[in-house]
Structures are given as structure tokens and as C-alpha cells.
Amino acid sequence: MAIEVRIPTILRQYTDGAKAVEGSGDTLAQLIADLETRHAGLRARLLDEDNADQLRRFVNVYLNDEDVRFLDGVNTKVADGDSVTILPAVAGGRV
């Protein structure tokens, strides 16, 4: 069994168009490192370039529908069978 990671359209260029990929690891950081071995460039789009221990400001990651920012961020524990969803934050427009 593995961890399913749902990929948003904007990042599918790194997964050869796949909507979902599988990975493994004990933490979100390890999962991202594992994904990087098969999908080069994905890590740079998810982690802050100044502080690789943090997610980029406009990237939201959910573990089983819970925002990892309210858990332990990239140190959040993951396990086989979990589902991770990556969503780019949407902003802008006029009020």
C-alpha cells in the first residue's frame, strides 16, 4: 500500500499529466522527497526556496482533508492508505 497524492492541473507537467501519484514516507517531507525521485521539479514547487522546512505560502496541502499547516506542516506524520491533496491558493480579483 502507498500514499495517494492528488496533483493539481498546474503541477501535472511534473507528473506526466497524472492526476494522482503514489509515494511513501513517514512524514510529509519524506513523502515529497520520495515523489521528487520520480517527478523531478515537484519539490521546488511545494517547498519554500528560502526555508525548505516550510511549504510555499500559496500552496495548500491536505492530509485526509485536514490542512497540514494546522498539524505539523512538513513534519506531519503520514501512513500507508493516507490521501494527500495539493491545492494552489487562489487569490485576486476585484471586490
PDB file of N, CA and C in Angstrom:
ATOM      1  N   MET A   1       0.845  -1.176   0.000  1.00  0.00           N
ATOM      2  CA  MET A   1       0.000   0.000   0.000  1.00  0.00           C
ATOM      3  C   MET A   1       0.889   1.238   0.000  1.00  0.00           C
ATOM      4  N   ALA A   2       0.361   2.352  -0.484  1.00  0.00           N
ATOM      5  CA  ALA A   2       1.130   3.587  -0.564  1.00  0.00           C
ATOM      6  C   ALA A   2       0.239   4.768  -0.197  1.00  0.00           C
ATOM      7  N   ILE A   3       0.804   5.941  -0.291  1.00  0.00           N
ATOM      8  CA  ILE A   3       0.082   7.176  -0.015  1.00  0.00           C
ATOM      9  C   ILE A   3      -0.297   7.785  -1.357  1.00  0.00           C
ATOM     10  N   GLU A   4      -1.566   8.066  -1.553  1.00  0.00           N
ATOM     11  CA  GLU A   4      -2.024   8.700  -2.780  1.00  0.00           C
ATOM     12  C   GLU A   4      -1.865  10.213  -2.654  1.00  0.00           C
ATOM     13  N   VAL A   5      -1.290  10.837  -3.675  1.00  0.00           N
ATOM     14  CA  VAL A   5      -1.107  12.281  -3.707  1.00  0.00           C
ATOM     15  C   VAL A   5      -1.852  12.815  -4.922  1.00  0.00           C
ATOM     16  N   ARG A   6      -2.847  13.650  -4.685  1.00  0.00           N
ATOM     17  CA  ARG A   6      -3.621  14.252  -5.771  1.00  0.00           C
ATOM     18  C   ARG A   6      -2.915  15.523  -6.239  1.00  0.00           C
ATOM     19  N   ILE A   7      -2.707  15.611  -7.527  1.00  0.00           N
ATOM     20  CA  ILE A   7      -1.913  16.678  -8.118  1.00  0.00           C
ATOM     21  C   ILE A   7      -2.825  17.670  -8.844  1.00  0.00           C
ATOM     22  N   PRO A   8      -2.684  18.975  -8.572  1.00  0.00           N
ATOM     23  CA  PRO A   8      -3.499  19.960  -9.284  1.00  0.00           C
ATOM     24  C   PRO A   8      -3.026  20.103 -10.735  1.00  0.00           C
ATOM     25  N   THR A   9      -3.896  20.566 -11.583  1.00  0.00           N
ATOM     26  CA  THR A   9      -3.604  20.701 -13.007  1.00  0.00           C
ATOM     27  C   THR A   9      -2.299  21.436 -13.266  1.00  0.00           C
ATOM     28  N   ILE A  10      -2.043  22.500 -12.547  1.00  0.00           N
ATOM     29  CA  ILE A  10      -0.862  23.320 -12.790  1.00  0.00           C
ATOM     30  C   ILE A  10       0.459  22.585 -12.519  1.00  0.00           C
ATOM     31  N   LEU A  11       0.419  21.538 -11.717  1.00  0.00           N
ATOM     32  CA  LEU A  11       1.637  20.778 -11.412  1.00  0.00           C
ATOM     33  C   LEU A  11       1.735  19.456 -12.168  1.00  0.00           C
ATOM     34  N   ARG A  12       0.769  19.149 -12.986  1.00  0.00           N
ATOM     35  CA  ARG A  12       0.763  17.860 -13.686  1.00  0.00           C
ATOM     36  C   ARG A  12       1.860  17.738 -14.741  1.00  0.00           C
ATOM     37  N   GLN A  13       2.454  18.855 -15.118  1.00  0.00           N
ATOM     38  CA  GLN A  13       3.580  18.778 -16.049  1.00  0.00           C
ATOM     39  C   GLN A  13       4.750  18.015 -15.430  1.00  0.00           C
ATOM     40  N   TYR A  14       4.798  17.955 -14.102  1.00  0.00           N
ATOM     41  CA  TYR A  14       5.863  17.237 -13.396  1.00  0.00           C
ATOM     42  C   TYR A  14       5.525  15.760 -13.185  1.00  0.00           C
ATOM     43  N   THR A  15       4.272  15.391 -13.420  1.00  0.00           N
ATOM     44  CA  THR A  15       3.837  14.009 -13.210  1.00  0.00           C
ATOM     45  C   THR A  15       3.380  13.363 -14.521  1.00  0.00           C
ATOM     46  N   ASP A  16       3.860  13.883 -15.632  1.00  0.00           N
ATOM     47  CA  ASP A  16       3.472  13.382 -16.960  1.00  0.00           C
ATOM     48  C   ASP A  16       1.956  13.380 -17.138  1.00  0.00           C
ATOM     49  N   GLY A  17       1.299  14.373 -16.565  1.00  0.00           N
ATOM     50  CA  GLY A  17      -0.141  14.525 -16.720  1.00  0.00           C
ATOM     51  C   GLY A  17      -0.988  13.753 -15.739  1.00  0.00           C
ATOM     52  N   ALA A  18      -0.360  12.991 -14.848  1.00  0.00           N
ATOM     53  CA  ALA A  18      -1.130  12.182 -13.891  1.00  0.00           C
ATOM     54  C   ALA A  18      -1.864  13.060 -12.883  1.00  0.00           C
ATOM     55  N   LYS A  19      -3.135  12.741 -12.655  1.00  0.00           N
ATOM     56  CA  LYS A  19      -3.955  13.461 -11.679  1.00  0.00           C
ATOM     57  C   LYS A  19      -3.608  13.056 -10.252  1.00  0.00           C
ATOM     58  N   ALA A  20      -3.090  11.844 -10.106  1.00  0.00           N
ATOM     59  CA  ALA A  20      -2.705  11.322  -8.796  1.00  0.00           C
ATOM     60  C   ALA A  20      -1.479  10.438  -8.971  1.00  0.00           C
ATOM     61  N   VAL A  21      -0.605  10.485  -7.980  1.00  0.00           N
ATOM     62  CA  VAL A  21       0.592   9.644  -7.968  1.00  0.00           C
ATOM     63  C   VAL A  21       0.690   9.003  -6.590  1.00  0.00           C
ATOM     64  N   GLU A  22       1.535   8.002  -6.479  1.00  0.00           N
ATOM     65  CA  GLU A  22       1.728   7.341  -5.192  1.00  0.00           C
ATOM     66  C   GLU A  22       3.140   7.559  -4.706  1.00  0.00           C
ATOM     67  N   GLY A  23       3.273   7.632  -3.392  1.00  0.00           N
ATOM     68  CA  GLY A  23       4.581   7.795  -2.789  1.00  0.00           C
ATOM     69  C   GLY A  23       4.600   7.156  -1.422  1.00  0.00           C
ATOM     70  N   SER A  24       5.753   7.294  -0.757  1.00  0.00           N
ATOM     71  CA  SER A  24       5.874   6.721   0.583  1.00  0.00           C
ATOM     72  C   SER A  24       6.748   7.625   1.436  1.00  0.00           C
ATOM     73  N   GLY A  25       6.680   7.390   2.729  1.00  0.00           N
ATOM     74  CA  GLY A  25       7.453   8.144   3.703  1.00  0.00           C
ATOM     75  C   GLY A  25       6.720   8.152   5.029  1.00  0.00           C
ATOM     76  N   ASP A  26       7.438   8.551   6.065  1.00  0.00           N
ATOM     77  CA  ASP A  26       6.836   8.627   7.397  1.00  0.00           C
ATOM     78  C   ASP A  26       6.285  10.019   7.704  1.00  0.00           C
ATOM     79  N   THR A  27       6.797  11.022   6.988  1.00  0.00           N
ATOM     80  CA  THR A  27       6.344  12.401   7.171  1.00  0.00           C
ATOM     81  C   THR A  27       6.045  12.994   5.801  1.00  0.00           C
ATOM     82  N   LEU A  28       5.380  14.129   5.794  1.00  0.00           N
ATOM     83  CA  LEU A  28       5.101  14.811   4.540  1.00  0.00           C
ATOM     84  C   LEU A  28       6.403  15.177   3.830  1.00  0.00           C
ATOM     85  N   ALA A  29       7.413  15.617   4.564  1.00  0.00           N
ATOM     86  CA  ALA A  29       8.706  15.960   3.969  1.00  0.00           C
ATOM     87  C   ALA A  29       9.328  14.751   3.280  1.00  0.00           C
ATOM     88  N   GLN A  30       9.268  13.594   3.913  1.00  0.00           N
ATOM     89  CA  GLN A  30       9.807  12.373   3.311  1.00  0.00           C
ATOM     90  C   GLN A  30       8.996  11.958   2.084  1.00  0.00           C
ATOM     91  N   LEU A  31       7.691  12.153   2.146  1.00  0.00           N
ATOM     92  CA  LEU A  31       6.837  11.850   1.010  1.00  0.00           C
ATOM     93  C   LEU A  31       7.207  12.739  -0.178  1.00  0.00           C
ATOM     94  N   ILE A  32       7.402  14.027   0.069  1.00  0.00           N
ATOM     95  CA  ILE A  32       7.788  14.953  -1.004  1.00  0.00           C
ATOM     96  C   ILE A  32       9.143  14.567  -1.572  1.00  0.00           C
ATOM     97  N   ALA A  33      10.085  14.196  -0.720  1.00  0.00           N
ATOM     98  CA  ALA A  33      11.405  13.752  -1.190  1.00  0.00           C
ATOM     99  C   ALA A  33      11.274  12.502  -2.050  1.00  0.00           C
ATOM    100  N   ASP A  34      10.413  11.569  -1.651  1.00  0.00           N
ATOM    101  CA  ASP A  34      10.189  10.358  -2.430  1.00  0.00           C
ATOM    102  C   ASP A  34       9.579  10.695  -3.782  1.00  0.00           C
ATOM    103  N   LEU A  35       8.601  11.585  -3.805  1.00  0.00           N
ATOM    104  CA  LEU A  35       7.983  11.985  -5.073  1.00  0.00           C
ATOM    105  C   LEU A  35       9.002  12.638  -6.000  1.00  0.00           C
ATOM    106  N   GLU A  36       9.907  13.410  -5.437  1.00  0.00           N
ATOM    107  CA  GLU A  36      10.923  14.103  -6.239  1.00  0.00           C
ATOM    108  C   GLU A  36      11.809  13.117  -7.001  1.00  0.00           C
ATOM    109  N   THR A  37      12.008  11.917  -6.475  1.00  0.00           N
ATOM    110  CA  THR A  37      12.855  10.935  -7.162  1.00  0.00           C
ATOM    111  C   THR A  37      12.234  10.469  -8.484  1.00  0.00           C
ATOM    112  N   ARG A  38      10.906  10.526  -8.586  1.00  0.00           N
ATOM    113  CA  ARG A  38      10.216  10.112  -9.812  1.00  0.00           C
ATOM    114  C   ARG A  38       9.624  11.272 -10.595  1.00  0.00           C
ATOM    115  N   HIS A  39       9.439  12.401  -9.920  1.00  0.00           N
ATOM    116  CA  HIS A  39       8.779  13.557 -10.542  1.00  0.00           C
ATOM    117  C   HIS A  39       9.613  14.813 -10.256  1.00  0.00           C
ATOM    118  N   ALA A  40      10.762  14.882 -10.893  1.00  0.00           N
ATOM    119  CA  ALA A  40      11.710  15.984 -10.656  1.00  0.00           C
ATOM    120  C   ALA A  40      11.060  17.345 -10.896  1.00  0.00           C
ATOM    121  N   GLY A  41      11.314  18.260  -9.974  1.00  0.00           N
ATOM    122  CA  GLY A  41      10.784  19.614 -10.059  1.00  0.00           C
ATOM    123  C   GLY A  41       9.591  19.852  -9.160  1.00  0.00           C
ATOM    124  N   LEU A  42       8.951  18.791  -8.731  1.00  0.00           N
ATOM    125  CA  LEU A  42       7.766  18.928  -7.881  1.00  0.00           C
ATOM    126  C   LEU A  42       8.117  19.527  -6.525  1.00  0.00           C
ATOM    127  N   ARG A  43       9.210  19.069  -5.943  1.00  0.00           N
ATOM    128  CA  ARG A  43       9.631  19.552  -4.613  1.00  0.00           C
ATOM    129  C   ARG A  43       9.820  21.070  -4.603  1.00  0.00           C
ATOM    130  N   ALA A  44      10.455  21.594  -5.640  1.00  0.00           N
ATOM    131  CA  ALA A  44      10.715  23.042  -5.714  1.00  0.00           C
ATOM    132  C   ALA A  44       9.424  23.852  -5.798  1.00  0.00           C
ATOM    133  N   ARG A  45       8.372  23.238  -6.312  1.00  0.00           N
ATOM    134  CA  ARG A  45       7.081  23.942  -6.425  1.00  0.00           C
ATOM    135  C   ARG A  45       6.282  23.879  -5.122  1.00  0.00           C
ATOM    136  N   LEU A  46       6.668  22.964  -4.222  1.00  0.00           N
ATOM    137  CA  LEU A  46       5.918  22.793  -2.980  1.00  0.00           C
ATOM    138  C   LEU A  46       6.578  23.443  -1.771  1.00  0.00           C
ATOM    139  N   LEU A  47       7.905  23.388  -1.722  1.00  0.00           N
ATOM    140  CA  LEU A  47       8.618  23.886  -0.543  1.00  0.00           C
ATOM    141  C   LEU A  47       9.219  25.259  -0.783  1.00  0.00           C
ATOM    142  N   ASP A  48       9.245  26.070   0.252  1.00  0.00           N
ATOM    143  CA  ASP A  48       9.789  27.428   0.195  1.00  0.00           C
ATOM    144  C   ASP A  48      11.266  27.373  -0.173  1.00  0.00           C
ATOM    145  N   GLU A  49      11.685  28.183  -1.118  1.00  0.00           N
ATOM    146  CA  GLU A  49      13.080  28.143  -1.556  1.00  0.00           C
ATOM    147  C   GLU A  49      14.027  28.714  -0.512  1.00  0.00           C
ATOM    148  N   ASP A  50      13.550  29.589   0.370  1.00  0.00           N
ATOM    149  CA  ASP A  50      14.395  30.151   1.431  1.00  0.00           C
ATOM    150  C   ASP A  50      14.425  29.274   2.674  1.00  0.00           C
ATOM    151  N   ASN A  51      13.382  28.471   2.852  1.00  0.00           N
ATOM    152  CA  ASN A  51      13.292  27.597   4.021  1.00  0.00           C
ATOM    153  C   ASN A  51      12.608  26.296   3.592  1.00  0.00           C
ATOM    154  N   ALA A  52      13.403  25.306   3.239  1.00  0.00           N
ATOM    155  CA  ALA A  52      12.869  24.039   2.723  1.00  0.00           C
ATOM    156  C   ALA A  52      12.093  23.247   3.765  1.00  0.00           C
ATOM    157  N   ASP A  53      12.033  23.755   4.997  1.00  0.00           N
ATOM    158  CA  ASP A  53      11.252  23.091   6.036  1.00  0.00           C
ATOM    159  C   ASP A  53       9.824  23.625   6.101  1.00  0.00           C
ATOM    160  N   GLN A  54       9.468  24.479   5.130  1.00  0.00           N
ATOM    161  CA  GLN A  54       8.123  25.048   5.107  1.00  0.00           C
ATOM    162  C   GLN A  54       7.537  24.956   3.711  1.00  0.00           C
ATOM    163  N   LEU A  55       6.235  24.815   3.672  1.00  0.00           N
ATOM    164  CA  LEU A  55       5.538  24.842   2.392  1.00  0.00           C
ATOM    165  C   LEU A  55       5.549  26.260   1.849  1.00  0.00           C
ATOM    166  N   ARG A  56       5.498  26.376   0.538  1.00  0.00           N
ATOM    167  CA  ARG A  56       5.365  27.698  -0.074  1.00  0.00           C
ATOM    168  C   ARG A  56       4.078  28.337   0.431  1.00  0.00           C
ATOM    169  N   ARG A  57       4.097  29.635   0.488  1.00  0.00           N
ATOM    170  CA  ARG A  57       2.982  30.387   1.060  1.00  0.00           C
ATOM    171  C   ARG A  57       1.656  30.123   0.355  1.00  0.00           C
ATOM    172  N   PHE A  58       1.692  29.983  -0.963  1.00  0.00           N
ATOM    173  CA  PHE A  58       0.450  29.846  -1.713  1.00  0.00           C
ATOM    174  C   PHE A  58       0.165  28.416  -2.163  1.00  0.00           C
ATOM    175  N   VAL A  59       0.701  27.463  -1.413  1.00  0.00           N
ATOM    176  CA  VAL A  59       0.412  26.051  -1.673  1.00  0.00           C
ATOM    177  C   VAL A  59      -0.271  25.485  -0.434  1.00  0.00           C
ATOM    178  N   ASN A  60      -1.426  24.917  -0.633  1.00  0.00           N
ATOM    179  CA  ASN A  60      -2.153  24.287   0.468  1.00  0.00           C
ATOM    180  C   ASN A  60      -2.062  22.776   0.313  1.00  0.00           C
ATOM    181  N   VAL A  61      -1.754  22.102   1.397  1.00  0.00           N
ATOM    182  CA  VAL A  61      -1.650  20.642   1.378  1.00  0.00           C
ATOM    183  C   VAL A  61      -2.570  20.085   2.458  1.00  0.00           C
ATOM    184  N   TYR A  62      -3.364  19.103   2.062  1.00  0.00           N
ATOM    185  CA  TYR A  62      -4.317  18.483   2.977  1.00  0.00           C
ATOM    186  C   TYR A  62      -3.996  17.000   3.124  1.00  0.00           C
ATOM    187  N   LEU A  63      -3.984  16.554   4.349  1.00  0.00           N
ATOM    188  CA  LEU A  63      -3.814  15.139   4.665  1.00  0.00           C
ATOM    189  C   LEU A  63      -5.162  14.626   5.135  1.00  0.00           C
ATOM    190  N   ASN A  64      -5.759  13.743   4.355  1.00  0.00           N
ATOM    191  CA  ASN A  64      -7.092  13.217   4.698  1.00  0.00           C
ATOM    192  C   ASN A  64      -8.053  14.355   5.035  1.00  0.00           C
ATOM    193  N   ASP A  65      -8.045  15.398   4.210  1.00  0.00           N
ATOM    194  CA  ASP A  65      -8.931  16.564   4.308  1.00  0.00           C
ATOM    195  C   ASP A  65      -8.595  17.533   5.440  1.00  0.00           C
ATOM    196  N   GLU A  66      -7.449  17.375   6.104  1.00  0.00           N
ATOM    197  CA  GLU A  66      -7.024  18.320   7.143  1.00  0.00           C
ATOM    198  C   GLU A  66      -5.824  19.102   6.659  1.00  0.00           C
ATOM    199  N   ASP A  67      -5.875  20.417   6.799  1.00  0.00           N
ATOM    200  CA  ASP A  67      -4.786  21.296   6.378  1.00  0.00           C
ATOM    201  C   ASP A  67      -3.548  21.008   7.228  1.00  0.00           C
ATOM    202  N   VAL A  68      -2.440  20.641   6.581  1.00  0.00           N
ATOM    203  CA  VAL A  68      -1.231  20.276   7.330  1.00  0.00           C
ATOM    204  C   VAL A  68      -0.626  21.467   8.071  1.00  0.00           C
ATOM    205  N   ARG A  69      -0.982  22.682   7.692  1.00  0.00           N
ATOM    206  CA  ARG A  69      -0.479  23.866   8.416  1.00  0.00           C
ATOM    207  C   ARG A  69      -1.001  23.885   9.853  1.00  0.00           C
ATOM    208  N   PHE A  70      -2.152  23.257  10.065  1.00  0.00           N
ATOM    209  CA  PHE A  70      -2.720  23.187  11.408  1.00  0.00           C
ATOM    210  C   PHE A  70      -2.315  21.901  12.120  1.00  0.00           C
ATOM    211  N   LEU A  71      -1.536  21.081  11.450  1.00  0.00           N
ATOM    212  CA  LEU A  71      -0.989  19.873  12.061  1.00  0.00           C
ATOM    213  C   LEU A  71       0.480  20.174  12.356  1.00  0.00           C
ATOM    214  N   ASP A  72       1.404  19.476  11.713  1.00  0.00           N
ATOM    215  CA  ASP A  72       2.836  19.728  11.927  1.00  0.00           C
ATOM    216  C   ASP A  72       3.550  20.155  10.660  1.00  0.00           C
ATOM    217  N   GLY A  73       2.835  20.763   9.716  1.00  0.00           N
ATOM    218  CA  GLY A  73       3.460  21.221   8.483  1.00  0.00           C
ATOM    219  C   GLY A  73       4.128  20.067   7.756  1.00  0.00           C
ATOM    220  N   VAL A  74       5.358  20.271   7.268  1.00  0.00           N
ATOM    221  CA  VAL A  74       6.058  19.219   6.532  1.00  0.00           C
ATOM    222  C   VAL A  74       6.470  18.063   7.439  1.00  0.00           C
ATOM    223  N   ASN A  75       6.400  18.264   8.739  1.00  0.00           N
ATOM    224  CA  ASN A  75       6.726  17.199   9.694  1.00  0.00           C
ATOM    225  C   ASN A  75       5.506  16.362  10.079  1.00  0.00           C
ATOM    226  N   THR A  76       4.382  16.636   9.447  1.00  0.00           N
ATOM    227  CA  THR A  76       3.164  15.880   9.705  1.00  0.00           C
ATOM    228  C   THR A  76       3.384  14.415   9.340  1.00  0.00           C
ATOM    229  N   LYS A  77       3.005  13.527  10.234  1.00  0.00           N
ATOM    230  CA  LYS A  77       3.137  12.082  10.011  1.00  0.00           C
ATOM    231  C   LYS A  77       2.127  11.630   8.953  1.00  0.00           C
ATOM    232  N   VAL A  78       2.584  10.761   8.053  1.00  0.00           N
ATOM    233  CA  VAL A  78       1.720  10.152   7.048  1.00  0.00           C
ATOM    234  C   VAL A  78       1.886   8.640   7.128  1.00  0.00           C
ATOM    235  N   ALA A  79       0.910   7.924   6.601  1.00  0.00           N
ATOM    236  CA  ALA A  79       0.955   6.458   6.660  1.00  0.00           C
ATOM    237  C   ALA A  79       0.319   5.873   5.409  1.00  0.00           C
ATOM    238  N   ASP A  80       0.653   4.620   5.139  1.00  0.00           N
ATOM    239  CA  ASP A  80       0.046   3.922   4.014  1.00  0.00           C
ATOM    240  C   ASP A  80      -1.464   4.049   4.082  1.00  0.00           C
ATOM    241  N   GLY A  81      -2.061   4.298   2.933  1.00  0.00           N
ATOM    242  CA  GLY A  81      -3.511   4.435   2.871  1.00  0.00           C
ATOM    243  C   GLY A  81      -3.988   5.863   3.019  1.00  0.00           C
ATOM    244  N   ASP A  82      -3.108   6.770   3.448  1.00  0.00           N
ATOM    245  CA  ASP A  82      -3.489   8.178   3.564  1.00  0.00           C
ATOM    246  C   ASP A  82      -3.665   8.793   2.183  1.00  0.00           C
ATOM    247  N   SER A  83      -4.377   9.899   2.153  1.00  0.00           N
ATOM    248  CA  SER A  83      -4.576  10.650   0.926  1.00  0.00           C
ATOM    249  C   SER A  83      -4.092  12.082   1.149  1.00  0.00           C
ATOM    250  N   VAL A  84      -3.218  12.550   0.262  1.00  0.00           N
ATOM    251  CA  VAL A  84      -2.684  13.912   0.337  1.00  0.00           C
ATOM    252  C   VAL A  84      -3.183  14.658  -0.891  1.00  0.00           C
ATOM    253  N   THR A  85      -3.725  15.847  -0.666  1.00  0.00           N
ATOM    254  CA  THR A  85      -4.210  16.684  -1.757  1.00  0.00           C
ATOM    255  C   THR A  85      -3.422  17.987  -1.759  1.00  0.00           C
ATOM    256  N   ILE A  86      -2.890  18.335  -2.934  1.00  0.00           N
ATOM    257  CA  ILE A  86      -2.153  19.581  -3.102  1.00  0.00           C
ATOM    258  C   ILE A  86      -3.062  20.545  -3.857  1.00  0.00           C
ATOM    259  N   LEU A  87      -3.251  21.737  -3.293  1.00  0.00           N
ATOM    260  CA  LEU A  87      -4.078  22.749  -3.935  1.00  0.00           C
ATOM    261  C   LEU A  87      -3.349  24.084  -3.946  1.00  0.00           C
ATOM    262  N   PRO A  88      -3.219  24.704  -5.112  1.00  0.00           N
ATOM    263  CA  PRO A  88      -2.661  26.053  -5.133  1.00  0.00           C
ATOM    264  C   PRO A  88      -3.716  27.021  -4.597  1.00  0.00           C
ATOM    265  N   ALA A  89      -3.268  27.991  -3.817  1.00  0.00           N
ATOM    266  CA  ALA A  89      -4.193  29.004  -3.297  1.00  0.00           C
ATOM    267  C   ALA A  89      -4.638  29.896  -4.454  1.00  0.00           C
ATOM    268  N   VAL A  90      -5.881  30.300  -4.427  1.00  0.00           N
ATOM    269  CA  VAL A  90      -6.425  31.168  -5.463  1.00  0.00           C
ATOM    270  C   VAL A  90      -6.737  32.506  -4.822  1.00  0.00           C
ATOM    271  N   ALA A  91      -6.240  33.566  -5.451  1.00  0.00           N
ATOM    272  CA  ALA A  91      -6.489  34.908  -4.931  1.00  0.00           C
ATOM    273  C   ALA A  91      -6.609  35.872  -6.102  1.00  0.00           C
ATOM    274  N   GLY A  92      -7.048  37.042  -5.777  1.00  0.00           N
ATOM    275  CA  GLY A  92      -7.120  38.076  -6.803  1.00  0.00           C
ATOM    276  C   GLY A  92      -8.543  38.481  -7.088  1.00  0.00           C
ATOM    277  N   GLY A  93      -8.675  39.346  -8.058  1.00  0.00           N
ATOM    278  CA  GLY A  93      -9.988  39.833  -8.426  1.00  0.00           C
ATOM    279  C   GLY A  93     -10.313  41.146  -7.745  1.00  0.00           C
ATOM    280  N   ARG A  94     -11.411  41.709  -8.104  1.00  0.00           N
ATOM    281  CA  ARG A  94     -11.858  42.969  -7.509  1.00  0.00           C
ATOM    282  C   ARG A  94     -13.063  42.730  -6.640  1.00  0.00           C
ATOM    283  N   VAL A  95     -13.184  43.538  -5.646  1.00  0.00           N
ATOM    284  CA  VAL A  95     -14.333  43.424  -4.751  1.00  0.00           C
ATOM    285  C   VAL A  95     -15.311  44.514  -5.028  1.00  0.00           C
TER     286      VAL A  95
END
